[in-house]
Protein backbone atom coordinates (compact mmCIF):
# COMPACT_ATOMS: atom_id res chain seq x y z
CA UNK A 1 -110.43 -46.69 -254.67
CA UNK A 2 -109.98 -50.10 -255.35
CA UNK A 3 -112.23 -52.93 -253.99
CA UNK A 4 -111.10 -56.35 -252.64
CA UNK A 5 -113.23 -58.94 -253.07
CA UNK A 6 -113.16 -61.82 -250.54
CA UNK A 7 -114.32 -65.44 -250.77
CA UNK A 8 -116.16 -67.04 -248.59
CA UNK A 9 -115.50 -70.45 -247.18
CA UNK A 10 -118.23 -72.76 -245.79
CA UNK A 11 -117.04 -72.98 -241.85
CA UNK A 12 -117.98 -76.98 -242.61
CA UNK A 13 -114.69 -77.43 -244.75
CA UNK A 14 -112.80 -75.79 -242.31
CA UNK A 15 -110.54 -77.40 -240.07
CA UNK A 16 -110.98 -75.86 -236.90
CA UNK A 17 -107.99 -77.74 -234.89
CA UNK A 18 -110.38 -79.82 -232.29
CA UNK A 19 -110.64 -82.95 -234.53
CA UNK A 20 -108.04 -85.44 -235.83
CA UNK A 21 -106.99 -84.49 -239.61
CA UNK A 22 -107.79 -87.44 -241.89
CA UNK A 23 -109.96 -89.05 -239.77
CA UNK A 24 -106.68 -90.82 -238.08
CA UNK A 25 -106.05 -91.16 -234.47
CA UNK A 26 -103.06 -89.34 -232.93
CA UNK A 27 -101.58 -92.96 -231.91
CA UNK A 28 -102.08 -93.78 -235.62
CA UNK A 29 -100.71 -91.06 -237.17
CA UNK A 30 -97.74 -90.85 -234.44
CA UNK A 31 -96.41 -94.55 -235.43
CA UNK A 32 -96.55 -93.48 -238.95
CA UNK A 33 -93.90 -90.71 -238.38
CA UNK A 34 -92.34 -92.83 -236.50
CA UNK A 35 -91.55 -95.45 -239.32
CA UNK A 36 -90.94 -93.29 -241.58
CA UNK A 37 -88.28 -92.08 -239.39
CA UNK A 38 -86.86 -95.29 -238.64
CA UNK A 39 -86.89 -96.54 -242.44
CA UNK A 40 -84.79 -93.40 -243.21
CA UNK A 41 -82.26 -94.08 -240.68
CA UNK A 42 -82.19 -97.79 -241.65
CA UNK A 43 -81.40 -96.07 -244.93
CA UNK A 44 -78.69 -94.13 -244.10
CA UNK A 45 -77.37 -97.00 -242.33
CA UNK A 46 -76.96 -98.84 -245.17
CA UNK A 47 -76.16 -96.32 -247.50
CA UNK A 48 -73.26 -96.28 -245.79
CA UNK A 49 -72.52 -99.92 -245.58
CA UNK A 50 -72.78 -99.77 -249.16
CA UNK A 51 -70.03 -97.05 -249.64
CA UNK A 52 -67.86 -98.62 -247.25
CA UNK A 53 -67.94 -101.84 -248.73
CA UNK A 54 -67.32 -100.30 -252.28
CA UNK A 55 -64.34 -98.07 -250.95
CA UNK A 56 -62.55 -101.37 -249.08
CA UNK A 57 -62.76 -103.45 -252.35
CA UNK A 58 -59.07 -102.46 -252.80
CA UNK A 59 -58.43 -103.99 -249.61
CA UNK A 60 -60.23 -107.14 -249.11
CA UNK A 61 -58.39 -110.08 -249.93
CA UNK A 62 -56.57 -109.81 -246.63
CA UNK A 63 -59.71 -110.00 -244.57
CA UNK A 64 -60.74 -112.88 -246.97
CA UNK A 65 -58.38 -115.22 -246.39
CA UNK A 66 -58.41 -114.68 -242.77
CA UNK A 67 -61.91 -115.38 -242.34
CA UNK A 68 -61.95 -118.06 -244.89
CA UNK A 69 -59.35 -119.80 -242.63
CA UNK A 70 -61.27 -119.07 -239.68
CA UNK A 71 -64.03 -120.80 -240.99
CA UNK A 72 -62.06 -124.06 -242.64
CA UNK A 73 -60.83 -124.25 -238.92
CA UNK A 74 -64.76 -124.08 -237.50
CA UNK A 75 -65.77 -126.30 -240.57
CA UNK A 76 -63.60 -129.34 -239.14
CA UNK A 77 -64.28 -128.73 -235.57
CA UNK A 78 -67.75 -129.56 -236.22
CA UNK A 79 -67.07 -132.58 -238.42
CA UNK A 80 -64.63 -133.75 -235.50
CA UNK A 81 -67.15 -133.25 -233.08
CA UNK A 82 -69.75 -135.59 -235.03
CA UNK A 83 -67.23 -137.93 -235.55
CA UNK A 84 -66.79 -138.11 -231.55
CA UNK A 85 -70.48 -138.17 -231.21
CA UNK A 86 -71.05 -141.00 -233.90
CA UNK A 87 -68.28 -143.39 -232.04
CA UNK A 88 -69.76 -142.98 -228.42
CA UNK A 89 -73.25 -143.04 -229.98
CA UNK A 90 -72.16 -146.75 -231.87
CA UNK A 91 -70.73 -147.81 -229.15
CA UNK A 92 -73.24 -146.80 -226.43
CA UNK A 93 -73.58 -146.88 -222.78
CA UNK A 94 -71.48 -149.16 -220.26
CA UNK A 95 -74.30 -150.88 -218.99
CA UNK A 96 -76.48 -151.11 -222.39
CA UNK A 97 -80.02 -151.69 -222.72
CA UNK A 98 -81.42 -154.94 -221.12
CA UNK A 99 -83.69 -157.85 -221.85
CA UNK A 100 -85.10 -158.85 -218.39
CA UNK A 101 -86.21 -162.57 -217.26
CA UNK A 102 -90.00 -161.29 -217.69
CA UNK A 103 -89.04 -160.18 -221.19
CA UNK A 104 -89.55 -156.12 -220.21
CA UNK A 105 -86.62 -154.06 -221.59
CA UNK A 106 -84.98 -151.29 -219.56
CA UNK A 107 -82.41 -148.61 -219.84
CA UNK A 108 -79.77 -148.61 -217.07
CA UNK A 109 -78.07 -145.44 -215.08
CA UNK A 110 -75.62 -145.30 -212.64
CA UNK A 111 -71.89 -145.49 -212.37
CA UNK A 112 -70.93 -149.00 -213.39
CA UNK A 113 -67.87 -150.09 -211.37
CA UNK A 114 -64.20 -150.11 -213.26
CA UNK A 115 -63.09 -153.21 -214.43
CA UNK A 116 -60.03 -154.32 -212.89
CA UNK A 117 -58.91 -157.46 -214.35
CA UNK A 118 -59.76 -160.36 -215.97
CA UNK A 119 -57.30 -163.46 -214.50
CA UNK A 120 -57.31 -166.30 -216.48
CA UNK A 121 -58.47 -170.32 -214.70
CA UNK A 122 -58.34 -171.88 -218.25
CA UNK A 123 -56.20 -171.48 -220.76
CA UNK A 124 -56.59 -171.18 -224.43
CA UNK A 125 -55.32 -170.40 -227.67
CA UNK A 126 -53.00 -167.21 -226.23
CA UNK A 127 -53.64 -167.19 -222.68
CA UNK A 128 -52.23 -169.44 -220.82
CA UNK A 129 -53.74 -170.02 -216.78
CA UNK A 130 -52.83 -167.46 -213.98
CA UNK A 131 -52.91 -164.65 -216.92
CA UNK A 132 -53.88 -161.45 -215.48
CA UNK A 133 -55.70 -159.55 -218.41
CA UNK A 134 -55.77 -155.45 -217.76
CA UNK A 135 -55.71 -154.15 -221.84
CA UNK A 136 -59.09 -153.72 -223.38
CA UNK A 137 -60.94 -155.22 -220.77
CA UNK A 138 -64.60 -152.86 -221.33
CA UNK A 139 -64.65 -154.17 -225.24
CA UNK A 140 -63.62 -157.73 -224.36
CA UNK A 141 -66.26 -157.38 -221.62
CA UNK A 142 -69.22 -156.07 -223.85
CA UNK A 143 -68.21 -158.96 -226.46
CA UNK A 144 -68.94 -161.17 -224.28
CA UNK A 145 -72.02 -160.02 -222.90
CA UNK A 146 -73.80 -159.76 -225.95
CA UNK A 147 -72.04 -162.94 -227.35
CA UNK A 148 -73.46 -164.69 -223.86
CA UNK A 149 -70.26 -165.67 -222.72
CA UNK A 150 -70.25 -164.78 -219.42
CA UNK A 151 -72.00 -167.52 -216.67
CA UNK A 152 -71.64 -166.89 -213.15
CA UNK A 153 -69.08 -164.40 -213.28
CA UNK A 154 -66.51 -166.19 -215.06
CA UNK A 155 -65.96 -164.87 -218.75
CA UNK A 156 -64.94 -166.92 -221.88
CA UNK A 157 -62.76 -164.53 -223.83
CA UNK A 158 -62.15 -164.77 -227.64
CA UNK A 159 -59.40 -167.52 -227.73
CA UNK A 160 -61.25 -169.86 -226.02
CA UNK A 161 -59.98 -168.94 -222.83
CA UNK A 162 -61.64 -168.46 -219.55
CA UNK A 163 -61.30 -165.96 -216.56
CA UNK A 164 -62.98 -164.53 -213.43
CA UNK A 165 -63.72 -160.84 -213.53
CA UNK A 166 -62.59 -158.56 -211.02
CA UNK A 167 -64.87 -155.70 -211.35
CA UNK A 168 -65.69 -152.58 -208.46
CA UNK A 169 -69.05 -152.41 -207.48
CA UNK A 170 -71.74 -150.18 -209.16
CA UNK A 171 -73.17 -147.51 -207.63
CA UNK A 172 -76.76 -145.46 -207.88
CA UNK A 173 -78.05 -148.18 -209.80
CA UNK A 174 -81.59 -148.03 -211.56
CA UNK A 175 -83.21 -149.36 -214.46
CA UNK A 176 -85.85 -147.66 -216.22
CA UNK A 177 -88.85 -149.85 -217.98
CA UNK A 178 -88.93 -148.77 -221.56
CA UNK A 179 -90.77 -151.98 -222.90
CA UNK A 180 -93.83 -153.63 -221.20
CA UNK A 181 -93.24 -157.78 -219.68
CA UNK A 182 -95.15 -160.00 -217.99
CA UNK A 183 -94.18 -158.13 -214.73
CA UNK A 184 -92.57 -154.72 -215.37
CA UNK A 185 -94.41 -152.21 -217.42
CA UNK A 186 -93.07 -148.92 -219.29
CA UNK A 187 -92.72 -146.39 -216.88
CA UNK A 188 -91.71 -148.60 -213.67
CA UNK A 189 -88.00 -147.69 -212.27
CA UNK A 190 -86.28 -150.35 -210.67
CA UNK A 191 -83.45 -149.09 -207.57
CA UNK A 192 -80.55 -150.38 -205.66
CA UNK A 193 -79.89 -154.10 -205.22
CA UNK A 194 -82.70 -155.19 -206.26
CA UNK A 195 -82.45 -153.60 -209.94
CA UNK A 196 -78.79 -154.30 -210.07
CA UNK A 197 -79.88 -158.44 -209.21
CA UNK A 198 -81.80 -158.20 -211.93
CA UNK A 199 -79.55 -157.20 -214.48
CA UNK A 200 -76.58 -159.19 -213.32
CA UNK A 201 -78.86 -162.34 -213.68
CA UNK A 202 -79.11 -161.42 -217.19
CA UNK A 203 -75.42 -160.76 -217.78
CA UNK A 204 -74.44 -163.77 -216.01
CA UNK A 205 -77.26 -166.71 -217.72
CA UNK A 206 -74.68 -167.14 -220.62
CA UNK A 207 -77.72 -166.10 -223.10
CA UNK A 208 -76.96 -164.36 -226.16
CA UNK A 209 -78.37 -160.98 -227.16
CA UNK A 210 -79.79 -159.87 -223.89
CA UNK A 211 -78.27 -156.83 -224.07
CA UNK A 212 -77.90 -153.99 -226.69
CA UNK A 213 -74.66 -151.88 -226.43
CA UNK A 214 -74.72 -148.59 -229.01
CA UNK A 215 -77.28 -147.60 -231.85
CA UNK A 216 -76.66 -148.90 -235.55
CA UNK A 217 -78.95 -148.96 -238.30
CA UNK A 218 -79.84 -152.43 -236.56
CA UNK A 219 -80.49 -151.86 -233.28
CA UNK A 220 -80.48 -148.38 -230.72
CA UNK A 221 -79.95 -148.93 -227.08
CA UNK A 222 -81.72 -145.35 -226.42
CA UNK A 223 -84.80 -146.01 -228.05
CA UNK A 224 -86.96 -147.26 -231.13
CA UNK A 225 -84.72 -148.54 -233.95
CA UNK A 226 -86.19 -146.11 -236.37
CA UNK A 227 -85.10 -143.22 -234.41
CA UNK A 228 -81.19 -144.01 -234.54
CA UNK A 229 -81.95 -144.89 -238.75
CA UNK A 230 -83.05 -141.35 -238.66
CA UNK A 231 -80.60 -140.00 -236.58
CA UNK A 232 -77.32 -141.76 -238.48
CA UNK A 233 -79.21 -140.88 -242.08
CA UNK A 234 -79.98 -136.89 -241.17
CA UNK A 235 -77.04 -136.37 -239.31
CA UNK A 236 -74.87 -138.06 -241.79
CA UNK A 237 -76.36 -136.29 -244.65
CA UNK A 238 -75.86 -133.00 -243.13
CA UNK A 239 -72.03 -133.75 -242.28
CA UNK A 240 -71.58 -134.74 -245.79
CA UNK A 241 -72.72 -131.51 -246.66
CA UNK A 242 -70.21 -129.75 -243.89
CA UNK A 243 -67.51 -131.53 -245.32
CA UNK A 244 -67.85 -130.72 -248.52
CA UNK A 245 -68.27 -127.32 -247.82
CA UNK A 246 -64.86 -127.26 -245.65
CA UNK A 247 -63.14 -128.92 -249.49
CA UNK A 248 -64.92 -125.67 -251.30
CA UNK A 249 -63.89 -123.07 -248.71
CA UNK A 250 -60.22 -124.59 -249.00
CA UNK A 251 -60.13 -124.32 -252.94
CA UNK A 252 -61.88 -120.76 -252.42
CA UNK A 253 -58.97 -119.75 -249.76
CA UNK A 254 -55.97 -120.88 -252.00
CA UNK A 255 -57.93 -118.88 -254.61
CA UNK A 256 -58.14 -116.01 -252.26
CA UNK A 257 -54.31 -116.39 -251.34
CA UNK A 258 -53.47 -116.66 -255.18
CA UNK A 259 -55.03 -113.54 -255.63
CA UNK A 260 -57.57 -114.88 -258.95
CA UNK A 261 -60.58 -113.11 -257.47
CA UNK A 262 -58.51 -109.93 -257.23
CA UNK A 263 -57.25 -110.35 -260.48
CA UNK A 264 -61.14 -110.81 -261.92
CA UNK A 265 -62.26 -107.18 -259.92
CA UNK A 266 -64.85 -109.40 -257.95
CA UNK A 267 -65.28 -111.75 -254.59
CA UNK A 268 -68.27 -113.23 -256.32
CA UNK A 269 -67.18 -116.99 -255.73
CA UNK A 270 -66.46 -116.27 -252.11
CA UNK A 271 -70.15 -114.59 -252.03
CA UNK A 272 -71.68 -117.76 -253.76
CA UNK A 273 -69.78 -120.26 -251.25
CA UNK A 274 -70.66 -118.34 -248.67
CA UNK A 275 -74.40 -119.04 -249.45
CA UNK A 276 -74.04 -122.92 -249.31
CA UNK A 277 -72.24 -122.61 -246.40
CA UNK A 278 -74.86 -120.69 -244.82
CA UNK A 279 -77.58 -122.71 -246.05
CA UNK A 280 -75.93 -125.56 -244.44
CA UNK A 281 -75.57 -123.80 -241.01
CA UNK A 282 -79.20 -122.93 -241.25
CA UNK A 283 -80.17 -126.02 -241.60
CA UNK A 284 -78.05 -127.57 -238.68
CA UNK A 285 -80.40 -125.06 -236.53
CA UNK A 286 -83.31 -127.02 -237.42
CA UNK A 287 -81.66 -130.48 -237.22
CA UNK A 288 -80.15 -129.51 -233.84
CA UNK A 289 -84.12 -128.56 -232.89
CA UNK A 290 -85.73 -131.88 -233.42
CA UNK A 291 -82.78 -134.07 -232.16
CA UNK A 292 -81.49 -132.59 -229.39
CA UNK A 293 -84.31 -130.38 -228.08
CA UNK A 294 -87.45 -131.69 -229.12
């Protein structure tokens, strides 16, 4: 008769089901189960993507050309939008930033009444008395304001002729003080007829450089001079990168149309160009944030 020996195990070594194995909480253990299963899911998706990409190598030329053309159009749209913004930023608002009699500076908001015409009262080199000028009015008006060539509602034009100004009334007029003066302090707001009267006292004073229109590297209607300098340099530097990227994309697109990369057996040049293009795109996220949102 065979005798079977049994091994005795200490009860302290047995897991009786009353405590968590490995001294891990139930929630933490389930989180690990979730992470492992989620990693397997992503792994499967990425493997499927890799297989699909490899399987589609022979048919990717048409897609590359199509999306390169779309990218080039988008790049031109961006550069054109930036050029439009620069144009308006340089020329400024219709009112400009004005230095008042007390030395304070203010930005002006409201609806600028349309200039209808200039009627010549004193002849000059190009205009004779009685002429009614209806073209390029705003540009001539702002140039005269900066040069101090408007006195008591009479404008002196570039040819030396003098003319009265026919202009619709402004509305919703207000001035916000941006620099302290003897009377007005930063943050003060002037509205209505009082503000309008002070503004046109400066316009009609015949004193030059009391109004600033737009922004450039020397002056800034909208704020500190340094802001305009940084704005033009940083956005211009980025715009140069975008324009360069568009040129490179055109070259790459022509290469794709000609089948250059298909003959090589790979489209690495497209990928390298894409790295540069998306870097420029990422930089714009930060430029846009600091200049337009913050």
